[in-house]
Amino acid sequence: MKKVVFAIGVVALFSFTSCKENASSKIKSDNVAEAAVRDEAAKAVPVMTFEKAEHDFGTIEQGTPQETAFKFTNTGNAPLIITDAKSSCGCTVPNPPKEPIAPGETGELLVKFNGQGQNQVTKTITVTANTEKGSELLRIKAFVNPKGAAPLGPVK
């Protein structure tokens, strides 16, 4: 038993004394410079700023196609890349730009709505991009009158 305790003590003594090298002497200045550049680049992010986040088509007749464009500007400091745009249903089709949007440049996301539904209809479009938030939410709405019915519409 004494031999086991002695052996553990010797191993522990070697372990603790072998780690006493100066760690700061192992740092390479090239690696520090690379890390600083990488960290600065990570701070550069695009920001998607929309002119409007919601569009109201007003009162429409059922089955009448509608479309609108959501205009935006990249107010960040890195190229904006839209990776996906999905709507809350198949009656709404978003068409985002395919090319990256440079900082300070503008773009537009075209949204087509087929006019289906009845009464007050609201649809959402989720835009996935390389922004800090990762996604933006847009909304379209309309009051849809049934085909051939007398115009109702919301009271204004």
N, C-alpha and C. Protein backbone atom coordinates (compact mmCIF):
# COMPACT_ATOMS: atom_id res chain seq x y z
N MET A 1 0.83 -1.18 0.00
CA MET A 1 0.00 0.00 0.00
C MET A 1 0.87 1.25 0.00
N LYS A 2 1.96 1.20 0.75
CA LYS A 2 2.86 2.34 0.80
C LYS A 2 3.50 2.58 -0.56
N LYS A 3 3.78 1.47 -1.28
CA LYS A 3 4.39 1.60 -2.60
C LYS A 3 3.42 2.28 -3.58
N VAL A 4 2.14 1.97 -3.49
CA VAL A 4 1.14 2.57 -4.38
C VAL A 4 1.02 4.06 -4.11
N VAL A 5 0.96 4.46 -2.84
CA VAL A 5 0.86 5.87 -2.47
C VAL A 5 2.13 6.59 -2.92
N PHE A 6 3.29 5.95 -2.73
CA PHE A 6 4.55 6.55 -3.15
C PHE A 6 4.59 6.73 -4.68
N ALA A 7 4.13 5.73 -5.41
CA ALA A 7 4.13 5.80 -6.88
C ALA A 7 3.20 6.92 -7.37
N ILE A 8 2.05 7.05 -6.77
CA ILE A 8 1.11 8.12 -7.13
C ILE A 8 1.73 9.49 -6.83
N GLY A 9 2.39 9.59 -5.72
CA GLY A 9 3.05 10.85 -5.35
C GLY A 9 4.14 11.22 -6.34
N VAL A 10 4.93 10.26 -6.79
CA VAL A 10 6.02 10.52 -7.75
C VAL A 10 5.42 10.97 -9.09
N VAL A 11 4.37 10.28 -9.54
CA VAL A 11 3.72 10.65 -10.82
C VAL A 11 3.14 12.07 -10.72
N ALA A 12 2.51 12.39 -9.60
CA ALA A 12 1.94 13.72 -9.41
C ALA A 12 3.05 14.77 -9.39
N LEU A 13 4.16 14.48 -8.75
CA LEU A 13 5.28 15.41 -8.68
C LEU A 13 5.83 15.71 -10.08
N PHE A 14 6.00 14.68 -10.91
CA PHE A 14 6.48 14.88 -12.27
C PHE A 14 5.46 15.65 -13.11
N SER A 15 4.20 15.37 -12.92
CA SER A 15 3.14 16.06 -13.69
C SER A 15 3.13 17.55 -13.38
N PHE A 16 3.19 17.91 -12.13
CA PHE A 16 3.12 19.32 -11.75
C PHE A 16 4.38 20.08 -12.13
N THR A 17 5.53 19.46 -12.03
CA THR A 17 6.76 20.18 -12.35
C THR A 17 7.00 20.27 -13.85
N SER A 18 6.48 19.36 -14.64
CA SER A 18 6.70 19.41 -16.09
C SER A 18 5.85 20.48 -16.76
N CYS A 19 4.81 20.98 -16.11
CA CYS A 19 3.91 21.98 -16.70
C CYS A 19 4.34 23.40 -16.34
N LYS A 20 5.50 23.58 -15.80
CA LYS A 20 5.89 24.91 -15.35
C LYS A 20 6.60 25.71 -16.44
N GLU A 21 6.50 25.28 -17.70
CA GLU A 21 7.11 26.05 -18.78
C GLU A 21 6.37 27.37 -18.92
N ASN A 22 7.03 28.36 -19.45
CA ASN A 22 6.43 29.67 -19.63
C ASN A 22 5.49 29.61 -20.84
N ALA A 23 4.18 29.66 -20.60
CA ALA A 23 3.18 29.54 -21.66
C ALA A 23 3.22 30.73 -22.61
N SER A 24 3.54 31.91 -22.11
CA SER A 24 3.54 33.09 -22.98
C SER A 24 4.66 33.04 -24.02
N SER A 25 5.68 32.25 -23.76
CA SER A 25 6.77 32.15 -24.74
C SER A 25 6.35 31.31 -25.95
N LYS A 26 5.26 30.56 -25.83
CA LYS A 26 4.79 29.71 -26.93
C LYS A 26 3.85 30.45 -27.88
N ILE A 27 3.43 31.66 -27.56
CA ILE A 27 2.51 32.43 -28.40
C ILE A 27 3.27 32.98 -29.60
N LYS A 28 2.71 32.75 -30.78
CA LYS A 28 3.34 33.26 -32.00
C LYS A 28 2.63 34.54 -32.39
N SER A 29 3.39 35.57 -32.70
CA SER A 29 2.79 36.87 -33.03
C SER A 29 1.97 36.80 -34.32
N ASP A 30 2.33 35.91 -35.26
CA ASP A 30 1.56 35.76 -36.49
C ASP A 30 0.14 35.26 -36.18
N ASN A 31 0.04 34.34 -35.25
CA ASN A 31 -1.27 33.81 -34.87
C ASN A 31 -2.13 34.87 -34.20
N VAL A 32 -1.51 35.73 -33.42
CA VAL A 32 -2.24 36.81 -32.76
C VAL A 32 -2.79 37.78 -33.80
N ALA A 33 -1.99 38.11 -34.80
CA ALA A 33 -2.44 39.02 -35.86
C ALA A 33 -3.57 38.40 -36.66
N GLU A 34 -3.45 37.11 -36.99
CA GLU A 34 -4.53 36.41 -37.72
C GLU A 34 -5.82 36.41 -36.92
N ALA A 35 -5.72 36.16 -35.64
CA ALA A 35 -6.91 36.14 -34.77
C ALA A 35 -7.56 37.52 -34.71
N ALA A 36 -6.76 38.57 -34.68
CA ALA A 36 -7.31 39.92 -34.63
C ALA A 36 -8.06 40.24 -35.92
N VAL A 37 -7.51 39.85 -37.07
CA VAL A 37 -8.18 40.07 -38.36
C VAL A 37 -9.48 39.27 -38.41
N ARG A 38 -9.43 38.02 -37.99
CA ARG A 38 -10.62 37.16 -37.99
C ARG A 38 -11.70 37.72 -37.07
N ASP A 39 -11.32 38.20 -35.90
CA ASP A 39 -12.30 38.77 -34.97
C ASP A 39 -12.92 40.05 -35.52
N GLU A 40 -12.12 40.86 -36.21
CA GLU A 40 -12.65 42.09 -36.81
C GLU A 40 -13.61 41.77 -37.94
N ALA A 41 -13.30 40.75 -38.73
CA ALA A 41 -14.18 40.34 -39.83
C ALA A 41 -15.50 39.78 -39.29
N ALA A 42 -15.46 39.13 -38.14
CA ALA A 42 -16.68 38.57 -37.55
C ALA A 42 -17.62 39.67 -37.09
N LYS A 43 -17.09 40.86 -36.81
CA LYS A 43 -17.93 41.98 -36.40
C LYS A 43 -18.66 42.60 -37.58
N ALA A 44 -18.17 42.37 -38.80
CA ALA A 44 -18.79 42.93 -40.00
C ALA A 44 -20.00 42.09 -40.37
N VAL A 45 -21.19 42.65 -40.21
CA VAL A 45 -22.41 41.92 -40.54
C VAL A 45 -23.33 42.82 -41.38
N PRO A 46 -24.08 42.21 -42.28
CA PRO A 46 -25.06 42.99 -43.03
C PRO A 46 -26.29 43.26 -42.18
N VAL A 47 -26.97 44.35 -42.48
CA VAL A 47 -28.21 44.71 -41.80
C VAL A 47 -29.24 44.99 -42.88
N MET A 48 -30.36 44.27 -42.81
CA MET A 48 -31.42 44.40 -43.80
C MET A 48 -32.45 45.40 -43.28
N THR A 49 -32.53 46.59 -43.91
CA THR A 49 -33.45 47.63 -43.49
C THR A 49 -34.52 47.80 -44.56
N PHE A 50 -35.76 47.44 -44.21
CA PHE A 50 -36.87 47.51 -45.16
C PHE A 50 -37.54 48.87 -45.10
N GLU A 51 -38.03 49.35 -46.26
CA GLU A 51 -38.83 50.58 -46.30
C GLU A 51 -40.15 50.37 -45.57
N LYS A 52 -40.70 49.16 -45.71
CA LYS A 52 -41.93 48.78 -45.00
C LYS A 52 -41.87 47.28 -44.74
N ALA A 53 -42.47 46.86 -43.64
CA ALA A 53 -42.47 45.44 -43.29
C ALA A 53 -43.84 44.82 -43.52
N GLU A 54 -44.82 45.65 -43.91
CA GLU A 54 -46.18 45.16 -44.15
C GLU A 54 -46.77 45.88 -45.35
N HIS A 55 -47.53 45.14 -46.17
CA HIS A 55 -48.22 45.74 -47.31
C HIS A 55 -49.69 45.33 -47.27
N ASP A 56 -50.57 46.32 -47.43
CA ASP A 56 -52.02 46.08 -47.44
C ASP A 56 -52.52 46.27 -48.86
N PHE A 57 -53.04 45.18 -49.46
CA PHE A 57 -53.60 45.24 -50.81
C PHE A 57 -54.98 45.90 -50.82
N GLY A 58 -55.55 46.12 -49.65
CA GLY A 58 -56.88 46.71 -49.56
C GLY A 58 -57.94 45.66 -49.83
N THR A 59 -59.06 46.06 -50.43
CA THR A 59 -60.15 45.14 -50.75
C THR A 59 -59.97 44.64 -52.18
N ILE A 60 -59.95 43.31 -52.34
CA ILE A 60 -59.77 42.71 -53.66
C ILE A 60 -60.86 41.65 -53.88
N GLU A 61 -61.07 41.28 -55.14
CA GLU A 61 -62.02 40.20 -55.45
C GLU A 61 -61.27 38.88 -55.40
N GLN A 62 -61.92 37.87 -54.87
CA GLN A 62 -61.31 36.54 -54.73
C GLN A 62 -60.77 36.05 -56.06
N GLY A 63 -59.56 35.54 -56.05
CA GLY A 63 -58.92 34.98 -57.24
C GLY A 63 -58.19 36.02 -58.08
N THR A 64 -58.16 37.27 -57.65
CA THR A 64 -57.45 38.32 -58.39
C THR A 64 -56.00 38.37 -57.90
N PRO A 65 -55.05 37.98 -58.77
CA PRO A 65 -53.64 38.00 -58.35
C PRO A 65 -53.16 39.41 -58.00
N GLN A 66 -52.32 39.48 -57.00
CA GLN A 66 -51.73 40.74 -56.54
C GLN A 66 -50.23 40.54 -56.42
N GLU A 67 -49.49 41.62 -56.50
CA GLU A 67 -48.06 41.54 -56.22
C GLU A 67 -47.56 42.87 -55.68
N THR A 68 -46.50 42.77 -54.88
CA THR A 68 -45.87 43.95 -54.32
C THR A 68 -44.38 43.67 -54.18
N ALA A 69 -43.61 44.73 -54.05
CA ALA A 69 -42.17 44.59 -53.86
C ALA A 69 -41.80 45.23 -52.52
N PHE A 70 -41.11 44.47 -51.71
CA PHE A 70 -40.57 44.99 -50.45
C PHE A 70 -39.15 45.47 -50.74
N LYS A 71 -38.94 46.77 -50.71
CA LYS A 71 -37.62 47.34 -50.98
C LYS A 71 -36.82 47.42 -49.68
N PHE A 72 -35.53 47.11 -49.80
CA PHE A 72 -34.66 47.12 -48.62
C PHE A 72 -33.29 47.65 -49.00
N THR A 73 -32.54 48.04 -47.98
CA THR A 73 -31.17 48.52 -48.14
C THR A 73 -30.28 47.75 -47.17
N ASN A 74 -29.10 47.40 -47.63
CA ASN A 74 -28.11 46.78 -46.75
C ASN A 74 -27.39 47.92 -46.02
N THR A 75 -27.81 48.19 -44.79
CA THR A 75 -27.22 49.26 -44.00
C THR A 75 -26.07 48.76 -43.12
N GLY A 76 -25.66 47.53 -43.32
CA GLY A 76 -24.55 46.96 -42.56
C GLY A 76 -23.23 47.22 -43.25
N ASN A 77 -22.21 46.46 -42.84
CA ASN A 77 -20.88 46.66 -43.40
C ASN A 77 -20.29 45.38 -43.99
N ALA A 78 -21.17 44.50 -44.48
CA ALA A 78 -20.75 43.27 -45.14
C ALA A 78 -21.81 42.93 -46.19
N PRO A 79 -21.45 42.16 -47.22
CA PRO A 79 -22.43 41.79 -48.24
C PRO A 79 -23.60 40.99 -47.64
N LEU A 80 -24.81 41.34 -48.08
CA LEU A 80 -26.04 40.68 -47.62
C LEU A 80 -26.38 39.55 -48.57
N ILE A 81 -26.55 38.35 -48.02
CA ILE A 81 -26.89 37.19 -48.83
C ILE A 81 -28.20 36.60 -48.30
N ILE A 82 -29.23 36.64 -49.14
CA ILE A 82 -30.52 36.05 -48.77
C ILE A 82 -30.48 34.58 -49.18
N THR A 83 -30.60 33.69 -48.20
CA THR A 83 -30.50 32.27 -48.47
C THR A 83 -31.85 31.61 -48.70
N ASP A 84 -32.94 32.23 -48.20
CA ASP A 84 -34.25 31.63 -48.35
C ASP A 84 -35.34 32.65 -48.07
N ALA A 85 -36.49 32.46 -48.67
CA ALA A 85 -37.67 33.27 -48.39
C ALA A 85 -38.87 32.34 -48.52
N LYS A 86 -39.62 32.19 -47.42
CA LYS A 86 -40.77 31.27 -47.39
C LYS A 86 -41.99 32.02 -46.90
N SER A 87 -43.14 31.64 -47.45
CA SER A 87 -44.39 32.25 -47.00
C SER A 87 -45.14 31.27 -46.10
N SER A 88 -46.15 31.81 -45.41
CA SER A 88 -46.92 30.98 -44.48
C SER A 88 -47.89 30.06 -45.20
N CYS A 89 -48.10 30.24 -46.52
CA CYS A 89 -48.95 29.30 -47.27
C CYS A 89 -48.55 29.33 -48.73
N GLY A 90 -49.09 28.39 -49.50
CA GLY A 90 -48.76 28.26 -50.91
C GLY A 90 -49.38 29.33 -51.80
N CYS A 91 -50.31 30.11 -51.28
CA CYS A 91 -50.96 31.16 -52.08
C CYS A 91 -50.09 32.40 -52.22
N THR A 92 -48.99 32.44 -51.49
CA THR A 92 -48.08 33.59 -51.51
C THR A 92 -46.69 33.10 -51.90
N VAL A 93 -46.11 33.72 -52.93
CA VAL A 93 -44.81 33.28 -53.43
C VAL A 93 -43.81 34.44 -53.38
N PRO A 94 -42.80 34.35 -52.52
CA PRO A 94 -41.76 35.38 -52.48
C PRO A 94 -40.66 35.07 -53.49
N ASN A 95 -40.08 36.10 -54.08
CA ASN A 95 -39.00 35.94 -55.04
C ASN A 95 -37.86 36.89 -54.65
N PRO A 96 -36.90 36.40 -53.84
CA PRO A 96 -35.81 37.27 -53.38
C PRO A 96 -34.72 37.41 -54.45
N PRO A 97 -33.88 38.43 -54.33
CA PRO A 97 -32.75 38.56 -55.25
C PRO A 97 -31.77 37.42 -55.03
N LYS A 98 -31.13 36.99 -56.09
CA LYS A 98 -30.19 35.86 -56.02
C LYS A 98 -28.76 36.31 -55.71
N GLU A 99 -28.41 37.52 -56.14
CA GLU A 99 -27.05 38.02 -55.97
C GLU A 99 -26.89 38.70 -54.61
N PRO A 100 -25.67 38.69 -54.04
CA PRO A 100 -25.42 39.41 -52.79
C PRO A 100 -25.65 40.91 -52.97
N ILE A 101 -26.11 41.56 -51.92
CA ILE A 101 -26.35 43.00 -51.92
C ILE A 101 -25.21 43.64 -51.12
N ALA A 102 -24.42 44.47 -51.78
CA ALA A 102 -23.27 45.11 -51.15
C ALA A 102 -23.73 46.14 -50.11
N PRO A 103 -22.88 46.46 -49.14
CA PRO A 103 -23.23 47.49 -48.16
C PRO A 103 -23.60 48.80 -48.85
N GLY A 104 -24.72 49.39 -48.42
CA GLY A 104 -25.19 50.64 -49.00
C GLY A 104 -26.08 50.46 -50.22
N GLU A 105 -26.11 49.27 -50.80
CA GLU A 105 -26.91 49.01 -51.99
C GLU A 105 -28.34 48.63 -51.59
N THR A 106 -29.26 48.74 -52.56
CA THR A 106 -30.65 48.38 -52.32
C THR A 106 -31.04 47.17 -53.14
N GLY A 107 -32.11 46.55 -52.74
CA GLY A 107 -32.66 45.40 -53.46
C GLY A 107 -34.14 45.34 -53.20
N GLU A 108 -34.81 44.40 -53.85
CA GLU A 108 -36.22 44.24 -53.58
C GLU A 108 -36.61 42.78 -53.64
N LEU A 109 -37.58 42.46 -52.81
CA LEU A 109 -38.12 41.11 -52.72
C LEU A 109 -39.55 41.18 -53.27
N LEU A 110 -39.78 40.54 -54.40
CA LEU A 110 -41.09 40.55 -55.03
C LEU A 110 -41.95 39.47 -54.38
N VAL A 111 -43.20 39.83 -54.02
CA VAL A 111 -44.12 38.89 -53.40
C VAL A 111 -45.41 38.85 -54.22
N LYS A 112 -45.79 37.64 -54.64
CA LYS A 112 -47.03 37.46 -55.40
C LYS A 112 -48.04 36.72 -54.54
N PHE A 113 -49.28 37.23 -54.54
CA PHE A 113 -50.39 36.65 -53.77
C PHE A 113 -51.49 36.32 -54.77
N ASN A 114 -52.00 35.07 -54.76
CA ASN A 114 -52.97 34.66 -55.77
C ASN A 114 -54.40 35.10 -55.48
N GLY A 115 -54.65 35.79 -54.39
CA GLY A 115 -55.97 36.33 -54.10
C GLY A 115 -56.96 35.34 -53.53
N GLN A 116 -56.49 34.21 -53.04
CA GLN A 116 -57.40 33.22 -52.47
C GLN A 116 -57.72 33.54 -51.01
N GLY A 117 -58.80 32.95 -50.53
CA GLY A 117 -59.24 33.16 -49.15
C GLY A 117 -60.50 33.99 -49.15
N GLN A 118 -60.98 34.32 -47.98
CA GLN A 118 -62.16 35.15 -47.83
C GLN A 118 -62.01 36.04 -46.62
N ASN A 119 -62.66 37.20 -46.71
CA ASN A 119 -62.62 38.19 -45.63
C ASN A 119 -61.19 38.67 -45.40
N GLN A 120 -60.83 38.96 -44.17
CA GLN A 120 -59.50 39.48 -43.88
C GLN A 120 -58.47 38.34 -43.97
N VAL A 121 -57.47 38.53 -44.80
CA VAL A 121 -56.42 37.52 -45.01
C VAL A 121 -55.08 38.18 -44.69
N THR A 122 -54.27 37.51 -43.88
CA THR A 122 -52.93 37.98 -43.55
C THR A 122 -51.94 36.83 -43.76
N LYS A 123 -50.87 37.10 -44.49
CA LYS A 123 -49.83 36.10 -44.76
C LYS A 123 -48.48 36.66 -44.34
N THR A 124 -47.60 35.79 -43.89
CA THR A 124 -46.26 36.22 -43.49
C THR A 124 -45.21 35.61 -44.42
N ILE A 125 -44.14 36.34 -44.59
CA ILE A 125 -42.99 35.90 -45.37
C ILE A 125 -41.78 35.97 -44.46
N THR A 126 -41.09 34.84 -44.32
CA THR A 126 -39.88 34.78 -43.51
C THR A 126 -38.67 34.80 -44.44
N VAL A 127 -37.83 35.82 -44.30
CA VAL A 127 -36.64 35.99 -45.13
C VAL A 127 -35.43 35.58 -44.30
N THR A 128 -34.74 34.54 -44.75
CA THR A 128 -33.54 34.06 -44.06
C THR A 128 -32.31 34.63 -44.77
N ALA A 129 -31.45 35.28 -43.98
CA ALA A 129 -30.26 35.91 -44.54
C ALA A 129 -29.11 35.84 -43.55
N ASN A 130 -27.95 36.31 -43.97
CA ASN A 130 -26.76 36.25 -43.12
C ASN A 130 -26.65 37.48 -42.20
N THR A 131 -27.79 37.95 -41.72
CA THR A 131 -27.81 39.08 -40.79
C THR A 131 -27.57 38.57 -39.37
N GLU A 132 -27.41 39.49 -38.44
CA GLU A 132 -27.18 39.08 -37.06
C GLU A 132 -28.39 38.33 -36.50
N LYS A 133 -29.60 38.82 -36.83
CA LYS A 133 -30.82 38.14 -36.37
C LYS A 133 -31.04 36.83 -37.10
N GLY A 134 -30.61 36.74 -38.35
CA GLY A 134 -30.76 35.51 -39.12
C GLY A 134 -32.02 35.46 -39.96
N SER A 135 -33.07 36.20 -39.57
CA SER A 135 -34.29 36.22 -40.38
C SER A 135 -35.07 37.50 -40.13
N GLU A 136 -35.86 37.85 -41.12
CA GLU A 136 -36.74 39.02 -41.06
C GLU A 136 -38.14 38.55 -41.37
N LEU A 137 -39.14 39.21 -40.81
CA LEU A 137 -40.53 38.83 -41.01
C LEU A 137 -41.26 39.96 -41.73
N LEU A 138 -41.89 39.62 -42.86
CA LEU A 138 -42.68 40.57 -43.63
C LEU A 138 -44.13 40.09 -43.61
N ARG A 139 -45.06 41.00 -43.90
CA ARG A 139 -46.49 40.63 -43.83
C ARG A 139 -47.24 41.29 -44.97
N ILE A 140 -48.16 40.52 -45.58
CA ILE A 140 -49.11 41.10 -46.54
C ILE A 140 -50.50 40.83 -46.01
N LYS A 141 -51.43 41.73 -46.37
CA LYS A 141 -52.81 41.50 -45.96
C LYS A 141 -53.74 42.07 -47.01
N ALA A 142 -54.98 41.56 -47.01
CA ALA A 142 -56.01 42.01 -47.93
C ALA A 142 -57.36 41.61 -47.38
N PHE A 143 -58.39 42.33 -47.79
CA PHE A 143 -59.76 41.91 -47.50
C PHE A 143 -60.27 41.32 -48.80
N VAL A 144 -60.57 40.01 -48.80
CA VAL A 144 -60.94 39.29 -50.01
C VAL A 144 -62.46 39.10 -50.05
N ASN A 145 -63.10 39.72 -51.05
CA ASN A 145 -64.54 39.53 -51.27
C ASN A 145 -64.74 38.29 -52.12
N PRO A 146 -65.76 37.46 -51.82
CA PRO A 146 -66.04 36.28 -52.66
C PRO A 146 -66.37 36.72 -54.08
N LYS A 147 -66.02 35.88 -55.06
CA LYS A 147 -66.29 36.19 -56.46
C LYS A 147 -67.78 36.42 -56.67
N GLY A 148 -68.12 37.46 -57.38
CA GLY A 148 -69.52 37.73 -57.72
C GLY A 148 -70.34 38.33 -56.60
N ALA A 149 -69.79 38.48 -55.42
CA ALA A 149 -70.54 39.05 -54.30
C ALA A 149 -70.45 40.57 -54.34
N ALA A 150 -71.39 41.20 -53.70
CA ALA A 150 -71.35 42.66 -53.60
C ALA A 150 -70.14 43.05 -52.76
N PRO A 151 -69.42 44.09 -53.15
CA PRO A 151 -68.22 44.49 -52.38
C PRO A 151 -68.58 44.81 -50.92
N LEU A 152 -67.83 44.16 -50.04
CA LEU A 152 -68.04 44.42 -48.61
C LEU A 152 -66.91 45.28 -48.10
N GLY A 153 -65.79 44.68 -47.91
CA GLY A 153 -64.61 45.39 -47.46
C GLY A 153 -64.72 45.86 -46.03
N PRO A 154 -63.58 46.20 -45.47
CA PRO A 154 -63.58 46.70 -44.09
C PRO A 154 -64.14 48.11 -44.04
N VAL A 155 -64.72 48.46 -42.92
CA VAL A 155 -65.27 49.79 -42.71
C VAL A 155 -64.11 50.74 -42.46
N LYS A 156 -64.09 51.85 -43.21
CA LYS A 156 -62.98 52.82 -43.04
C LYS A 156 -63.48 54.10 -42.49
